[in-house]
């Protein structure tokens, strides 16, 4: 786990407690190629794995493992009636680093809402959805589409955007890195 911790803490600025939580819950580990593996569970059974390279140089590598069920993506169960929805596991972890709240949160590992459908079906107590998707054209379009779809089903749906940057990790990195010359 040394490369995963180094990558997430030092390159991505995610809080150690957040990384430790997911490793302790066996939802995050390092594979033999030193990739971060984000695990999606269905009860006690792993059903989904999303890989992200720890190599900070060169081309970025990320993918859902073949045979993974996208309906069971990387998530964290909280204590309230709200669900926060992210495109990527690293954005979910970044949000937790910034806010330190006990929230229900799910990473879609893309923009397909199959995991959201499953989470809502499995957690009927959820009444509010906060979309925390990327601030790019595909993310904004998906947020509008999901807002329309789930509002029509009776959920209170809002969107939360990072104050700067295209996603929650970029915002976390900007907040964590002191400005030069000050």
Foldseek 3Di string as FASTA:
>chain_A
DVLVCCLCCPVLVFDPVLVVVCVVVVQWDADPQRWIWGFFDDVPHTQWIKTWHSDPDDDTDIDIDPRHDLLGFHWAAFDAQEEEEEQDPSLVSLVCRVPVHRHTYGHSVHLDCSVVVNVCVVPVSHQEYEYQYWQDPVRVVSLVVVCVVVVVVRHHYYYDYQPDDGHSSVSSVVVVDDDPPD
